[in-house]
Amino acid sequence: MFFLGFILLINISCEKDDFCLKNPVTEKLVIEFYDESNTETLKNVKELYVWAEGKNDSIYVNQTINTITIPLNSLTTETVYNFSKEGVINQFTIKYTPEEVYVSRSCGYKIVFNEVTFSSDNTWIKEFTPEETLIILENQDAAHVQIFH
């Protein structure tokens, strides 16, 4: 009886392993490129290069692509990207309010971006939607911005 009680005490006193099952990674901005004359049709950008202002490394190099995902700098309230299409550079600015959100003890914190606004110098980007959004960039299944070119 003592042995059975000892085993039971050990079983209930053990701590459950705490594994991070959620993805605490800070989300990226999802951008889709559309045809400016047919705004319902995705359109590839040819020879696309994408790099953050002040960085030497490109995120996309000589790609032909219609959807990209780019990270935002969680330590500032603004990230500026350069999008080069066939050698023509367009500067795209994203302003936001970063917020730390607690996920769990094992996962820790992640950053979400609130009050997001976009602006462009419109060299080859003709238009984009939305210009501002109050939504938090948490959904990675849909585009946050549609760019028309």
N, C-alpha and C. Protein backbone atom coordinates (compact mmCIF):
# COMPACT_ATOMS: atom_id res chain seq x y z
N MET A 1 0.83 -1.19 0.00
CA MET A 1 0.00 0.00 0.00
C MET A 1 0.88 1.26 0.00
N PHE A 2 1.94 1.24 0.82
CA PHE A 2 2.85 2.37 0.87
C PHE A 2 3.48 2.62 -0.51
N PHE A 3 3.87 1.55 -1.18
CA PHE A 3 4.50 1.65 -2.50
C PHE A 3 3.52 2.26 -3.51
N LEU A 4 2.26 1.84 -3.48
CA LEU A 4 1.24 2.37 -4.39
C LEU A 4 1.00 3.85 -4.11
N GLY A 5 0.97 4.24 -2.86
CA GLY A 5 0.82 5.65 -2.49
C GLY A 5 2.00 6.48 -2.94
N PHE A 6 3.21 5.93 -2.83
CA PHE A 6 4.42 6.61 -3.27
C PHE A 6 4.40 6.85 -4.78
N ILE A 7 3.99 5.86 -5.57
CA ILE A 7 3.89 5.98 -7.03
C ILE A 7 2.84 7.03 -7.40
N LEU A 8 1.70 7.01 -6.72
CA LEU A 8 0.65 7.99 -6.97
C LEU A 8 1.13 9.41 -6.66
N LEU A 9 1.86 9.58 -5.58
CA LEU A 9 2.40 10.89 -5.21
C LEU A 9 3.38 11.40 -6.26
N ILE A 10 4.22 10.55 -6.78
CA ILE A 10 5.17 10.94 -7.82
C ILE A 10 4.44 11.35 -9.09
N ASN A 11 3.41 10.61 -9.46
CA ASN A 11 2.66 10.91 -10.69
C ASN A 11 1.97 12.27 -10.62
N ILE A 12 1.34 12.58 -9.50
CA ILE A 12 0.61 13.85 -9.44
C ILE A 12 1.51 15.04 -9.16
N SER A 13 2.71 14.80 -8.67
CA SER A 13 3.61 15.91 -8.39
C SER A 13 4.48 16.28 -9.58
N CYS A 14 4.48 15.46 -10.62
CA CYS A 14 5.28 15.79 -11.81
C CYS A 14 4.62 16.93 -12.56
N GLU A 15 5.44 17.83 -13.06
CA GLU A 15 4.94 18.94 -13.83
C GLU A 15 4.73 18.53 -15.28
N LYS A 16 3.64 18.96 -15.84
CA LYS A 16 3.36 18.68 -17.24
C LYS A 16 4.37 19.46 -18.09
N ASP A 17 4.92 18.82 -19.11
CA ASP A 17 5.83 19.52 -20.02
C ASP A 17 5.08 20.63 -20.73
N ASP A 18 5.70 21.77 -20.82
CA ASP A 18 5.07 22.92 -21.43
C ASP A 18 5.77 23.20 -22.75
N PHE A 19 5.18 22.73 -23.84
CA PHE A 19 5.75 22.93 -25.17
C PHE A 19 4.96 24.01 -25.89
N CYS A 20 5.65 24.77 -26.67
CA CYS A 20 5.00 25.82 -27.45
C CYS A 20 4.36 25.19 -28.69
N LEU A 21 3.03 25.10 -28.68
CA LEU A 21 2.33 24.51 -29.81
C LEU A 21 1.82 25.59 -30.76
N LYS A 22 1.75 26.82 -30.29
CA LYS A 22 1.34 27.93 -31.15
C LYS A 22 2.57 28.49 -31.83
N ASN A 23 2.36 29.21 -32.88
CA ASN A 23 3.47 29.82 -33.58
C ASN A 23 3.64 31.26 -33.09
N PRO A 24 4.61 31.51 -32.21
CA PRO A 24 4.75 32.85 -31.65
C PRO A 24 5.50 33.81 -32.56
N VAL A 25 5.88 33.36 -33.73
CA VAL A 25 6.68 34.18 -34.63
C VAL A 25 5.89 35.41 -35.04
N THR A 26 6.57 36.53 -35.02
CA THR A 26 5.95 37.78 -35.45
C THR A 26 5.62 37.68 -36.94
N GLU A 27 4.39 38.02 -37.27
CA GLU A 27 3.92 37.89 -38.63
C GLU A 27 4.61 38.85 -39.58
N LYS A 28 4.56 38.51 -40.85
CA LYS A 28 5.11 39.35 -41.90
C LYS A 28 3.97 40.01 -42.67
N LEU A 29 4.30 41.07 -43.36
CA LEU A 29 3.34 41.77 -44.20
C LEU A 29 3.21 41.00 -45.51
N VAL A 30 1.98 40.66 -45.90
CA VAL A 30 1.73 39.94 -47.14
C VAL A 30 1.24 40.94 -48.19
N ILE A 31 1.93 40.97 -49.32
CA ILE A 31 1.60 41.89 -50.41
C ILE A 31 1.33 41.09 -51.68
N GLU A 32 0.23 41.42 -52.36
CA GLU A 32 -0.07 40.82 -53.66
C GLU A 32 -0.04 41.92 -54.71
N PHE A 33 0.47 41.57 -55.89
CA PHE A 33 0.58 42.51 -57.00
C PHE A 33 -0.51 42.20 -58.03
N TYR A 34 -1.21 43.27 -58.47
CA TYR A 34 -2.33 43.13 -59.40
C TYR A 34 -2.10 43.99 -60.63
N ASP A 35 -2.81 43.63 -61.68
CA ASP A 35 -2.80 44.37 -62.94
C ASP A 35 -3.58 45.67 -62.74
N GLU A 36 -2.97 46.80 -63.05
CA GLU A 36 -3.64 48.09 -62.84
C GLU A 36 -4.86 48.28 -63.74
N SER A 37 -4.88 47.64 -64.91
CA SER A 37 -6.01 47.80 -65.82
C SER A 37 -7.11 46.77 -65.57
N ASN A 38 -6.77 45.67 -64.92
CA ASN A 38 -7.76 44.67 -64.54
C ASN A 38 -7.51 44.34 -63.07
N THR A 39 -8.11 45.10 -62.19
CA THR A 39 -7.76 45.07 -60.77
C THR A 39 -8.12 43.78 -60.04
N GLU A 40 -8.78 42.85 -60.72
CA GLU A 40 -9.12 41.57 -60.11
C GLU A 40 -8.09 40.49 -60.43
N THR A 41 -7.13 40.80 -61.30
CA THR A 41 -6.19 39.80 -61.79
C THR A 41 -4.80 40.00 -61.19
N LEU A 42 -4.29 38.94 -60.55
CA LEU A 42 -2.90 38.98 -60.07
C LEU A 42 -1.97 39.13 -61.26
N LYS A 43 -0.90 39.91 -61.07
CA LYS A 43 0.05 40.14 -62.16
C LYS A 43 1.47 40.01 -61.60
N ASN A 44 2.26 39.18 -62.24
CA ASN A 44 3.65 39.00 -61.83
C ASN A 44 4.44 40.29 -62.00
N VAL A 45 5.36 40.51 -61.08
CA VAL A 45 6.34 41.58 -61.21
C VAL A 45 7.60 40.91 -61.76
N LYS A 46 8.10 41.42 -62.86
CA LYS A 46 9.30 40.84 -63.47
C LYS A 46 10.55 41.49 -62.90
N GLU A 47 11.57 40.68 -62.70
CA GLU A 47 12.86 41.15 -62.20
C GLU A 47 12.71 41.95 -60.90
N LEU A 48 11.94 41.40 -59.96
CA LEU A 48 11.68 42.08 -58.70
C LEU A 48 12.85 41.88 -57.73
N TYR A 49 13.32 43.00 -57.20
CA TYR A 49 14.29 43.02 -56.11
C TYR A 49 13.61 43.76 -54.96
N VAL A 50 13.72 43.23 -53.73
CA VAL A 50 13.13 43.88 -52.57
C VAL A 50 14.19 43.93 -51.47
N TRP A 51 14.42 45.13 -50.93
CA TRP A 51 15.35 45.26 -49.81
C TRP A 51 14.87 46.39 -48.90
N ALA A 52 15.18 46.23 -47.61
CA ALA A 52 14.82 47.25 -46.62
C ALA A 52 15.82 48.39 -46.71
N GLU A 53 15.33 49.60 -46.56
CA GLU A 53 16.18 50.79 -46.57
C GLU A 53 17.27 50.65 -45.51
N GLY A 54 18.51 50.90 -45.90
CA GLY A 54 19.63 50.82 -44.98
C GLY A 54 20.23 49.43 -44.84
N LYS A 55 19.66 48.46 -45.52
CA LYS A 55 20.18 47.08 -45.47
C LYS A 55 20.84 46.76 -46.81
N ASN A 56 21.87 45.93 -46.75
CA ASN A 56 22.59 45.56 -47.98
C ASN A 56 22.02 44.31 -48.63
N ASP A 57 21.36 43.46 -47.85
CA ASP A 57 20.86 42.20 -48.39
C ASP A 57 19.44 42.35 -48.91
N SER A 58 19.18 41.78 -50.08
CA SER A 58 17.83 41.77 -50.64
C SER A 58 17.06 40.58 -50.11
N ILE A 59 15.76 40.78 -49.92
CA ILE A 59 14.88 39.70 -49.50
C ILE A 59 14.48 38.89 -50.73
N TYR A 60 14.19 39.58 -51.83
CA TYR A 60 13.88 38.94 -53.11
C TYR A 60 14.90 39.44 -54.12
N VAL A 61 15.44 38.53 -54.91
CA VAL A 61 16.46 38.88 -55.90
C VAL A 61 16.05 38.35 -57.26
N ASN A 62 15.80 39.26 -58.20
CA ASN A 62 15.49 38.92 -59.59
C ASN A 62 14.39 37.86 -59.70
N GLN A 63 13.29 38.11 -59.00
CA GLN A 63 12.16 37.18 -58.98
C GLN A 63 11.08 37.65 -59.94
N THR A 64 10.36 36.70 -60.52
CA THR A 64 9.12 36.99 -61.22
C THR A 64 8.04 36.38 -60.35
N ILE A 65 7.26 37.25 -59.69
CA ILE A 65 6.40 36.79 -58.60
C ILE A 65 5.22 37.75 -58.44
N ASN A 66 4.08 37.23 -57.91
CA ASN A 66 2.93 38.11 -57.70
C ASN A 66 2.54 38.26 -56.23
N THR A 67 3.22 37.55 -55.33
CA THR A 67 2.95 37.66 -53.89
C THR A 67 4.27 37.61 -53.14
N ILE A 68 4.43 38.53 -52.19
CA ILE A 68 5.62 38.53 -51.35
C ILE A 68 5.22 38.68 -49.89
N THR A 69 6.10 38.23 -49.01
CA THR A 69 5.94 38.46 -47.57
C THR A 69 7.22 39.12 -47.08
N ILE A 70 7.05 40.22 -46.36
CA ILE A 70 8.21 40.98 -45.89
C ILE A 70 8.07 41.26 -44.39
N PRO A 71 9.18 41.17 -43.66
CA PRO A 71 9.11 41.45 -42.22
C PRO A 71 9.09 42.95 -41.95
N LEU A 72 8.53 43.32 -40.81
CA LEU A 72 8.55 44.70 -40.34
C LEU A 72 9.48 44.78 -39.13
N ASN A 73 10.12 45.91 -38.97
CA ASN A 73 11.04 46.10 -37.86
C ASN A 73 10.24 46.41 -36.60
N SER A 74 10.25 45.48 -35.65
CA SER A 74 9.45 45.64 -34.43
C SER A 74 10.07 46.62 -33.43
N LEU A 75 11.30 47.06 -33.69
CA LEU A 75 11.96 48.00 -32.78
C LEU A 75 11.72 49.46 -33.14
N THR A 76 11.05 49.70 -34.26
CA THR A 76 10.74 51.06 -34.69
C THR A 76 9.26 51.14 -35.02
N THR A 77 8.82 52.30 -35.47
CA THR A 77 7.42 52.48 -35.87
C THR A 77 7.29 52.64 -37.38
N GLU A 78 8.36 52.35 -38.10
CA GLU A 78 8.34 52.53 -39.55
C GLU A 78 9.36 51.59 -40.20
N THR A 79 8.97 50.99 -41.32
CA THR A 79 9.90 50.21 -42.13
C THR A 79 9.76 50.70 -43.56
N VAL A 80 10.88 50.99 -44.19
CA VAL A 80 10.89 51.46 -45.58
C VAL A 80 11.52 50.38 -46.45
N TYR A 81 10.82 50.01 -47.50
CA TYR A 81 11.32 49.02 -48.45
C TYR A 81 11.50 49.66 -49.81
N ASN A 82 12.48 49.16 -50.53
CA ASN A 82 12.67 49.51 -51.93
C ASN A 82 12.25 48.31 -52.76
N PHE A 83 11.34 48.55 -53.72
CA PHE A 83 10.90 47.53 -54.66
C PHE A 83 11.44 47.94 -56.02
N SER A 84 12.29 47.12 -56.59
CA SER A 84 12.84 47.40 -57.91
C SER A 84 12.22 46.45 -58.92
N LYS A 85 11.62 47.03 -59.95
CA LYS A 85 11.00 46.26 -61.04
C LYS A 85 11.72 46.65 -62.32
N GLU A 86 12.39 45.69 -62.91
CA GLU A 86 13.12 45.92 -64.16
C GLU A 86 14.03 47.15 -64.06
N GLY A 87 14.66 47.34 -62.89
CA GLY A 87 15.61 48.41 -62.69
C GLY A 87 15.03 49.73 -62.20
N VAL A 88 13.69 49.86 -62.15
CA VAL A 88 13.06 51.08 -61.66
C VAL A 88 12.69 50.87 -60.19
N ILE A 89 13.18 51.76 -59.32
CA ILE A 89 13.00 51.59 -57.87
C ILE A 89 11.80 52.40 -57.39
N ASN A 90 10.96 51.75 -56.59
CA ASN A 90 9.82 52.39 -55.94
C ASN A 90 10.00 52.22 -54.44
N GLN A 91 9.92 53.31 -53.70
CA GLN A 91 10.05 53.24 -52.25
C GLN A 91 8.66 53.08 -51.63
N PHE A 92 8.52 52.10 -50.74
CA PHE A 92 7.24 51.77 -50.10
C PHE A 92 7.45 51.85 -48.59
N THR A 93 6.70 52.73 -47.93
CA THR A 93 6.86 52.98 -46.49
C THR A 93 5.67 52.42 -45.73
N ILE A 94 5.97 51.71 -44.65
CA ILE A 94 4.95 51.15 -43.78
C ILE A 94 5.16 51.74 -42.39
N LYS A 95 4.12 52.41 -41.86
CA LYS A 95 4.17 52.97 -40.50
C LYS A 95 3.16 52.20 -39.64
N TYR A 96 3.48 52.03 -38.36
CA TYR A 96 2.66 51.19 -37.50
C TYR A 96 2.99 51.45 -36.04
N THR A 97 2.18 50.87 -35.18
CA THR A 97 2.42 50.86 -33.75
C THR A 97 2.65 49.41 -33.33
N PRO A 98 3.90 49.04 -33.00
CA PRO A 98 4.15 47.66 -32.57
C PRO A 98 3.65 47.42 -31.15
N GLU A 99 3.16 46.21 -30.91
CA GLU A 99 2.65 45.86 -29.59
C GLU A 99 3.09 44.43 -29.25
N GLU A 100 3.66 44.26 -28.07
CA GLU A 100 4.02 42.93 -27.60
C GLU A 100 2.77 42.24 -27.09
N VAL A 101 2.57 41.00 -27.53
CA VAL A 101 1.42 40.22 -27.10
C VAL A 101 1.92 38.92 -26.49
N TYR A 102 1.45 38.64 -25.29
CA TYR A 102 1.85 37.42 -24.59
C TYR A 102 1.15 36.23 -25.24
N VAL A 103 1.92 35.20 -25.59
CA VAL A 103 1.36 34.00 -26.21
C VAL A 103 1.15 32.94 -25.14
N SER A 104 2.22 32.55 -24.45
CA SER A 104 2.13 31.58 -23.36
C SER A 104 3.48 31.54 -22.65
N ARG A 105 3.54 30.79 -21.56
CA ARG A 105 4.79 30.70 -20.81
C ARG A 105 5.89 30.08 -21.66
N SER A 106 5.57 29.05 -22.41
CA SER A 106 6.60 28.38 -23.22
C SER A 106 6.89 29.13 -24.52
N CYS A 107 5.90 29.84 -25.05
CA CYS A 107 6.10 30.55 -26.32
C CYS A 107 6.63 31.96 -26.13
N GLY A 108 6.33 32.56 -24.99
CA GLY A 108 6.79 33.93 -24.74
C GLY A 108 5.90 34.96 -25.42
N TYR A 109 6.53 35.97 -26.01
CA TYR A 109 5.81 37.09 -26.61
C TYR A 109 6.03 37.11 -28.12
N LYS A 110 5.11 37.75 -28.81
CA LYS A 110 5.28 38.06 -30.23
C LYS A 110 4.85 39.51 -30.43
N ILE A 111 5.19 40.05 -31.57
CA ILE A 111 4.83 41.43 -31.89
C ILE A 111 3.70 41.43 -32.91
N VAL A 112 2.69 42.24 -32.67
CA VAL A 112 1.66 42.51 -33.67
C VAL A 112 1.74 43.98 -34.02
N PHE A 113 1.25 44.33 -35.18
CA PHE A 113 1.36 45.70 -35.68
C PHE A 113 -0.03 46.30 -35.83
N ASN A 114 -0.26 47.41 -35.13
CA ASN A 114 -1.55 48.10 -35.12
C ASN A 114 -1.44 49.41 -35.88
N GLU A 115 -2.59 49.97 -36.27
CA GLU A 115 -2.66 51.29 -36.90
C GLU A 115 -1.65 51.40 -38.04
N VAL A 116 -1.75 50.48 -38.97
CA VAL A 116 -0.79 50.38 -40.06
C VAL A 116 -1.20 51.32 -41.19
N THR A 117 -0.21 52.11 -41.68
CA THR A 117 -0.45 52.97 -42.84
C THR A 117 0.65 52.71 -43.87
N PHE A 118 0.30 52.96 -45.13
CA PHE A 118 1.21 52.71 -46.23
C PHE A 118 1.33 53.96 -47.08
N SER A 119 2.53 54.17 -47.64
CA SER A 119 2.72 55.25 -48.60
C SER A 119 3.76 54.81 -49.61
N SER A 120 3.74 55.46 -50.78
CA SER A 120 4.63 55.06 -51.87
C SER A 120 5.01 56.29 -52.66
N ASP A 121 6.21 56.26 -53.26
CA ASP A 121 6.58 57.37 -54.15
C ASP A 121 6.06 57.14 -55.57
N ASN A 122 5.35 56.04 -55.79
CA ASN A 122 4.60 55.76 -57.02
C ASN A 122 5.40 55.94 -58.31
N THR A 123 6.55 55.31 -58.39
CA THR A 123 7.26 55.32 -59.66
C THR A 123 6.65 54.28 -60.59
N TRP A 124 6.70 53.02 -60.24
CA TRP A 124 6.03 52.00 -61.05
C TRP A 124 4.80 51.44 -60.36
N ILE A 125 4.67 51.67 -59.05
CA ILE A 125 3.43 51.30 -58.36
C ILE A 125 2.43 52.41 -58.66
N LYS A 126 1.34 52.05 -59.31
CA LYS A 126 0.35 53.06 -59.71
C LYS A 126 -0.63 53.37 -58.59
N GLU A 127 -0.97 52.34 -57.79
CA GLU A 127 -1.94 52.51 -56.72
C GLU A 127 -1.80 51.31 -55.78
N PHE A 128 -2.32 51.46 -54.58
CA PHE A 128 -2.36 50.33 -53.65
C PHE A 128 -3.53 50.51 -52.71
N THR A 129 -4.00 49.41 -52.17
CA THR A 129 -5.09 49.44 -51.19
C THR A 129 -4.77 48.46 -50.08
N PRO A 130 -5.13 48.73 -48.87
CA PRO A 130 -5.64 50.01 -48.38
C PRO A 130 -4.48 50.97 -48.12
N GLU A 131 -4.81 52.25 -47.93
CA GLU A 131 -3.77 53.22 -47.57
C GLU A 131 -3.51 53.19 -46.07
N GLU A 132 -4.52 52.82 -45.32
CA GLU A 132 -4.34 52.65 -43.89
C GLU A 132 -5.32 51.63 -43.38
N THR A 133 -4.96 50.99 -42.30
CA THR A 133 -5.82 49.99 -41.70
C THR A 133 -5.57 49.97 -40.20
N LEU A 134 -6.61 49.78 -39.45
CA LEU A 134 -6.47 49.69 -38.01
C LEU A 134 -6.34 48.25 -37.56
N ILE A 135 -6.42 47.33 -38.53
CA ILE A 135 -6.35 45.92 -38.16
C ILE A 135 -4.94 45.54 -37.74
N ILE A 136 -4.87 44.52 -36.96
CA ILE A 136 -3.59 43.96 -36.53
C ILE A 136 -3.15 42.97 -37.59
N LEU A 137 -1.89 43.04 -37.98
CA LEU A 137 -1.39 42.13 -39.00
C LEU A 137 -1.12 40.76 -38.40
N GLU A 138 -2.18 39.99 -38.17
CA GLU A 138 -2.03 38.66 -37.60
C GLU A 138 -2.39 37.58 -38.59
N ASN A 139 -3.22 37.86 -39.55
CA ASN A 139 -3.67 36.85 -40.49
C ASN A 139 -2.67 36.71 -41.64
N GLN A 140 -2.07 35.55 -41.76
CA GLN A 140 -1.09 35.30 -42.81
C GLN A 140 -1.70 34.59 -44.01
N ASP A 141 -3.03 34.34 -43.97
CA ASP A 141 -3.69 33.61 -45.04
C ASP A 141 -4.20 34.51 -46.15
N ALA A 142 -4.21 35.81 -45.93
CA ALA A 142 -4.70 36.74 -46.94
C ALA A 142 -3.74 37.92 -47.05
N ALA A 143 -3.78 38.58 -48.19
CA ALA A 143 -2.90 39.73 -48.40
C ALA A 143 -3.34 40.90 -47.54
N HIS A 144 -2.37 41.62 -47.01
CA HIS A 144 -2.66 42.83 -46.24
C HIS A 144 -2.73 44.04 -47.15
N VAL A 145 -1.98 44.00 -48.26
CA VAL A 145 -1.91 45.12 -49.20
C VAL A 145 -1.99 44.57 -50.62
N GLN A 146 -2.75 45.26 -51.47
CA GLN A 146 -2.79 44.95 -52.89
C GLN A 146 -2.13 46.12 -53.62
N ILE A 147 -1.11 45.78 -54.42
CA ILE A 147 -0.39 46.81 -55.18
C ILE A 147 -0.73 46.62 -56.65
N PHE A 148 -1.09 47.73 -57.31
CA PHE A 148 -1.47 47.71 -58.73
C PHE A 148 -0.34 48.32 -59.54
N HIS A 149 0.06 47.60 -60.60
CA HIS A 149 1.16 48.08 -61.44
C HIS A 149 0.89 47.75 -62.89
